[in-house]
PDB file of N, CA and C in Angstrom:
ATOM      1  N   UNK A   1      76.668 176.399 120.390  1.00  0.00           N
ATOM      2  CA  UNK A   1      78.500 176.691 121.192  1.00  0.00           C
ATOM      3  C   UNK A   1      77.911 177.852 121.134  1.00  0.00           C
ATOM      4  N   UNK A   2      77.914 179.087 122.478  1.00  0.00           N
ATOM      5  CA  UNK A   2      78.203 180.606 122.180  1.00  0.00           C
ATOM      6  C   UNK A   2      79.017 180.547 121.161  1.00  0.00           C
ATOM      7  N   UNK A   3      78.735 182.631 120.681  1.00  0.00           N
ATOM      8  CA  UNK A   3      80.292 183.164 120.011  1.00  0.00           C
ATOM      9  C   UNK A   3      81.387 183.072 120.744  1.00  0.00           C
ATOM     10  N   UNK A   4      81.149 183.397 121.981  1.00  0.00           N
ATOM     11  CA  UNK A   4      82.488 183.550 122.318  1.00  0.00           C
ATOM     12  C   UNK A   4      83.499 182.230 123.531  1.00  0.00           C
ATOM     13  N   UNK A   5      82.230 181.801 123.623  1.00  0.00           N
ATOM     14  CA  UNK A   5      83.015 180.303 123.769  1.00  0.00           C
ATOM     15  C   UNK A   5      83.754 179.600 122.373  1.00  0.00           C
ATOM     16  N   UNK A   6      84.839 178.864 122.909  1.00  0.00           N
ATOM     17  CA  UNK A   6      85.588 178.529 122.496  1.00  0.00           C
ATOM     18  C   UNK A   6      85.835 177.010 122.324  1.00  0.00           C
ATOM     19  N   UNK A   7      86.266 175.438 121.459  1.00  0.00           N
ATOM     20  CA  UNK A   7      86.115 174.564 121.441  1.00  0.00           C
ATOM     21  C   UNK A   7      88.200 174.214 122.427  1.00  0.00           C
ATOM     22  N   UNK A   8      87.237 173.061 123.223  1.00  0.00           N
ATOM     23  CA  UNK A   8      88.833 172.818 124.303  1.00  0.00           C
ATOM     24  C   UNK A   8      89.748 172.699 122.993  1.00  0.00           C
ATOM     25  N   UNK A   9      90.636 172.979 123.535  1.00  0.00           N
ATOM     26  CA  UNK A   9      92.121 172.859 122.335  1.00  0.00           C
ATOM     27  C   UNK A   9      92.662 171.173 123.295  1.00  0.00           C
ATOM     28  N   UNK A  10      93.977 170.911 121.993  1.00  0.00           N
ATOM     29  CA  UNK A  10      93.815 169.739 122.554  1.00  0.00           C
ATOM     30  C   UNK A  10      95.390 169.399 123.044  1.00  0.00           C
ATOM     31  N   UNK A  11      95.548 170.769 123.813  1.00  0.00           N
ATOM     32  CA  UNK A  11      97.231 170.785 124.543  1.00  0.00           C
ATOM     33  C   UNK A  11      95.593 170.378 126.097  1.00  0.00           C
ATOM     34  N   UNK A  12      94.542 171.773 125.932  1.00  0.00           N
ATOM     35  CA  UNK A  12      93.585 171.757 127.492  1.00  0.00           C
ATOM     36  C   UNK A  12      93.699 170.061 127.767  1.00  0.00           C
ATOM     37  N   UNK A  13      92.898 169.804 126.662  1.00  0.00           N
ATOM     38  CA  UNK A  13      92.254 168.316 126.937  1.00  0.00           C
ATOM     39  C   UNK A  13      94.252 167.177 127.149  1.00  0.00           C
ATOM     40  N   UNK A  14      95.306 167.848 126.967  1.00  0.00           N
ATOM     41  CA  UNK A  14      96.341 166.940 127.440  1.00  0.00           C
ATOM     42  C   UNK A  14      96.257 166.817 128.670  1.00  0.00           C
ATOM     43  N   UNK A  15      96.206 168.579 129.070  1.00  0.00           N
ATOM     44  CA  UNK A  15      96.636 169.590 130.215  1.00  0.00           C
ATOM     45  C   UNK A  15      95.880 167.861 131.767  1.00  0.00           C
ATOM     46  N   UNK A  16      94.533 168.638 131.492  1.00  0.00           N
ATOM     47  CA  UNK A  16      93.682 167.616 131.594  1.00  0.00           C
ATOM     48  C   UNK A  16      94.051 166.213 132.128  1.00  0.00           C
ATOM     49  N   UNK A  17      94.461 165.832 131.140  1.00  0.00           N
ATOM     50  CA  UNK A  17      94.484 164.183 130.896  1.00  0.00           C
ATOM     51  C   UNK A  17      95.446 164.176 132.331  1.00  0.00           C
ATOM     52  N   UNK A  18      96.284 164.420 132.120  1.00  0.00           N
ATOM     53  CA  UNK A  18      97.921 165.054 133.135  1.00  0.00           C
ATOM     54  C   UNK A  18      97.525 165.137 133.728  1.00  0.00           C
ATOM     55  N   UNK A  19      97.233 165.831 134.763  1.00  0.00           N
ATOM     56  CA  UNK A  19      96.672 166.012 135.440  1.00  0.00           C
ATOM     57  C   UNK A  19      96.353 164.709 135.929  1.00  0.00           C
ATOM     58  N   UNK A  20      94.956 163.957 136.508  1.00  0.00           N
ATOM     59  CA  UNK A  20      94.519 162.670 136.635  1.00  0.00           C
ATOM     60  C   UNK A  20      94.989 161.927 136.343  1.00  0.00           C
ATOM     61  N   UNK A  21      96.654 161.922 134.922  1.00  0.00           N
ATOM     62  CA  UNK A  21      97.107 160.546 135.593  1.00  0.00           C
ATOM     63  C   UNK A  21      98.559 161.109 136.614  1.00  0.00           C
ATOM     64  N   UNK A  22      98.927 161.895 137.317  1.00  0.00           N
ATOM     65  CA  UNK A  22      99.417 162.265 138.426  1.00  0.00           C
ATOM     66  C   UNK A  22      98.795 162.357 139.541  1.00  0.00           C
ATOM     67  N   UNK A  23      97.634 162.406 139.268  1.00  0.00           N
ATOM     68  CA  UNK A  23      96.875 162.108 140.515  1.00  0.00           C
ATOM     69  C   UNK A  23      97.119 160.273 141.293  1.00  0.00           C
ATOM     70  N   UNK A  24      96.641 159.802 139.542  1.00  0.00           N
ATOM     71  CA  UNK A  24      96.508 158.279 139.509  1.00  0.00           C
ATOM     72  C   UNK A  24      98.247 157.378 140.113  1.00  0.00           C
ATOM     73  N   UNK A  25      98.991 158.088 140.372  1.00  0.00           N
ATOM     74  CA  UNK A  25     100.030 158.150 140.378  1.00  0.00           C
ATOM     75  C   UNK A  25     100.089 158.265 141.733  1.00  0.00           C
ATOM     76  N   UNK A  26      99.695 159.252 142.342  1.00  0.00           N
ATOM     77  CA  UNK A  26     100.271 159.814 143.291  1.00  0.00           C
ATOM     78  C   UNK A  26      99.911 158.882 144.417  1.00  0.00           C
ATOM     79  N   UNK A  27      98.195 158.699 144.321  1.00  0.00           N
ATOM     80  CA  UNK A  27      97.737 157.367 145.078  1.00  0.00           C
ATOM     81  C   UNK A  27      97.972 156.081 144.775  1.00  0.00           C
ATOM     82  N   UNK A  28      98.831 155.527 143.577  1.00  0.00           N
ATOM     83  CA  UNK A  28      99.516 154.474 143.612  1.00  0.00           C
ATOM     84  C   UNK A  28     100.100 154.142 144.364  1.00  0.00           C
ATOM     85  N   UNK A  29     101.305 155.206 144.512  1.00  0.00           N
ATOM     86  CA  UNK A  29     102.357 155.666 145.434  1.00  0.00           C
ATOM     87  C   UNK A  29     102.209 155.350 147.253  1.00  0.00           C
ATOM     88  N   UNK A  30     101.031 156.209 146.940  1.00  0.00           N
ATOM     89  CA  UNK A  30     100.595 156.192 148.345  1.00  0.00           C
ATOM     90  C   UNK A  30     100.151 154.395 149.329  1.00  0.00           C
ATOM     91  N   UNK A  31      99.529 154.334 148.128  1.00  0.00           N
ATOM     92  CA  UNK A  31      98.974 152.754 149.032  1.00  0.00           C
ATOM     93  C   UNK A  31     100.361 152.251 148.909  1.00  0.00           C
ATOM     94  N   UNK A  32     101.306 152.571 147.813  1.00  0.00           N
ATOM     95  CA  UNK A  32     102.777 151.636 148.394  1.00  0.00           C
ATOM     96  C   UNK A  32     103.249 151.488 149.787  1.00  0.00           C
ATOM     97  N   UNK A  33     103.282 152.647 149.440  1.00  0.00           N
ATOM     98  CA  UNK A  33     104.066 153.632 150.729  1.00  0.00           C
ATOM     99  C   UNK A  33     103.649 152.878 152.694  1.00  0.00           C
ATOM    100  N   UNK A  34     102.158 152.875 151.883  1.00  0.00           N
ATOM    101  CA  UNK A  34     101.471 152.491 152.679  1.00  0.00           C
ATOM    102  C   UNK A  34     101.249 150.954 153.191  1.00  0.00           C
ATOM    103  N   UNK A  35     101.444 150.388 152.593  1.00  0.00           N
ATOM    104  CA  UNK A  35     101.650 148.601 152.531  1.00  0.00           C
ATOM    105  C   UNK A  35     102.677 148.843 152.489  1.00  0.00           C
ATOM    106  N   UNK A  36     104.241 148.814 152.509  1.00  0.00           N
ATOM    107  CA  UNK A  36     105.188 148.810 153.174  1.00  0.00           C
ATOM    108  C   UNK A  36     105.883 149.053 154.278  1.00  0.00           C
ATOM    109  N   UNK A  37     105.105 149.979 154.746  1.00  0.00           N
ATOM    110  CA  UNK A  37     105.233 150.956 155.775  1.00  0.00           C
ATOM    111  C   UNK A  37     104.629 149.504 156.890  1.00  0.00           C
ATOM    112  N   UNK A  38     103.911 149.043 156.511  1.00  0.00           N
ATOM    113  CA  UNK A  38     102.491 148.086 157.490  1.00  0.00           C
ATOM    114  C   UNK A  38     104.085 146.701 158.135  1.00  0.00           C
ATOM    115  N   UNK A  39     103.279 146.376 156.547  1.00  0.00           N
ATOM    116  CA  UNK A  39     104.837 145.290 156.523  1.00  0.00           C
ATOM    117  C   UNK A  39     105.942 144.840 157.367  1.00  0.00           C
ATOM    118  N   UNK A  40     106.708 146.682 157.355  1.00  0.00           N
ATOM    119  CA  UNK A  40     107.804 146.568 158.013  1.00  0.00           C
ATOM    120  C   UNK A  40     107.363 146.448 159.304  1.00  0.00           C
ATOM    121  N   UNK A  41     106.385 147.915 160.135  1.00  0.00           N
ATOM    122  CA  UNK A  41     106.135 147.800 161.408  1.00  0.00           C
ATOM    123  C   UNK A  41     105.277 145.879 161.229  1.00  0.00           C
ATOM    124  N   UNK A  42     104.562 145.411 160.818  1.00  0.00           N
ATOM    125  CA  UNK A  42     104.496 143.939 161.501  1.00  0.00           C
ATOM    126  C   UNK A  42     105.708 143.254 161.888  1.00  0.00           C
ATOM    127  N   UNK A  43     106.830 143.174 161.343  1.00  0.00           N
ATOM    128  CA  UNK A  43     107.825 142.482 161.126  1.00  0.00           C
ATOM    129  C   UNK A  43     107.806 141.575 159.944  1.00  0.00           C
ATOM    130  N   UNK A  44     106.462 141.712 159.246  1.00  0.00           N
ATOM    131  CA  UNK A  44     107.673 139.924 158.170  1.00  0.00           C
ATOM    132  C   UNK A  44     108.364 140.609 157.232  1.00  0.00           C
ATOM    133  N   UNK A  45     108.994 141.452 156.853  1.00  0.00           N
ATOM    134  CA  UNK A  45     110.117 141.926 155.988  1.00  0.00           C
ATOM    135  C   UNK A  45     110.811 141.437 157.631  1.00  0.00           C
ATOM    136  N   UNK A  46     111.567 141.740 157.969  1.00  0.00           N
ATOM    137  CA  UNK A  46     111.909 140.538 159.166  1.00  0.00           C
ATOM    138  C   UNK A  46     112.320 138.708 159.435  1.00  0.00           C
ATOM    139  N   UNK A  47     111.170 138.623 159.218  1.00  0.00           N
ATOM    140  CA  UNK A  47     110.940 137.468 159.254  1.00  0.00           C
ATOM    141  C   UNK A  47     111.276 136.446 157.817  1.00  0.00           C
ATOM    142  N   UNK A  48     110.920 137.601 157.321  1.00  0.00           N
ATOM    143  CA  UNK A  48     111.474 136.483 155.554  1.00  0.00           C
ATOM    144  C   UNK A  48     113.141 136.803 155.421  1.00  0.00           C
ATOM    145  N   UNK A  49     113.404 137.662 155.904  1.00  0.00           N
ATOM    146  CA  UNK A  49     114.561 138.105 154.869  1.00  0.00           C
ATOM    147  C   UNK A  49     115.746 136.655 156.739  1.00  0.00           C
ATOM    148  N   UNK A  50     114.528 136.638 157.940  1.00  0.00           N
ATOM    149  CA  UNK A  50     115.315 135.658 158.342  1.00  0.00           C
ATOM    150  C   UNK A  50     114.995 134.484 157.600  1.00  0.00           C
ATOM    151  N   UNK A  51     114.447 133.458 157.026  1.00  0.00           N
ATOM    152  CA  UNK A  51     113.368 133.138 156.417  1.00  0.00           C
ATOM    153  C   UNK A  51     115.037 132.683 155.478  1.00  0.00           C
ATOM    154  N   UNK A  52     115.216 134.186 154.526  1.00  0.00           N
ATOM    155  CA  UNK A  52     116.488 133.803 153.511  1.00  0.00           C
ATOM    156  C   UNK A  52     117.286 133.723 153.745  1.00  0.00           C
ATOM    157  N   UNK A  53     117.970 134.323 155.302  1.00  0.00           N
ATOM    158  CA  UNK A  53     120.083 134.197 155.842  1.00  0.00           C
ATOM    159  C   UNK A  53     120.023 132.567 156.992  1.00  0.00           C
ATOM    160  N   UNK A  54     118.168 131.915 156.711  1.00  0.00           N
ATOM    161  CA  UNK A  54     118.805 130.836 157.530  1.00  0.00           C
ATOM    162  C   UNK A  54     118.898 129.284 157.032  1.00  0.00           C
ATOM    163  N   UNK A  55     118.163 130.536 155.548  1.00  0.00           N
ATOM    164  CA  UNK A  55     118.320 128.785 154.181  1.00  0.00           C
ATOM    165  C   UNK A  55     119.620 128.943 153.752  1.00  0.00           C
ATOM    166  N   UNK A  56     120.811 129.226 153.865  1.00  0.00           N
ATOM    167  CA  UNK A  56     121.750 128.971 152.831  1.00  0.00           C
ATOM    168  C   UNK A  56     123.349 128.311 154.078  1.00  0.00           C
TER     169      UNK A  56
END
């Protein structure tokens, strides 16, 4: 290492890890929202609700 460079501190490593975790969380939420919208749009949620109401 050159004399002007410093080792990454624990804070920088933690900050980088935090950014990746937030990105993965955002990606997971996006997948969940798209899946929920697709199910709702295709009427699967309404069909399941009708089965549940019909069984009472």
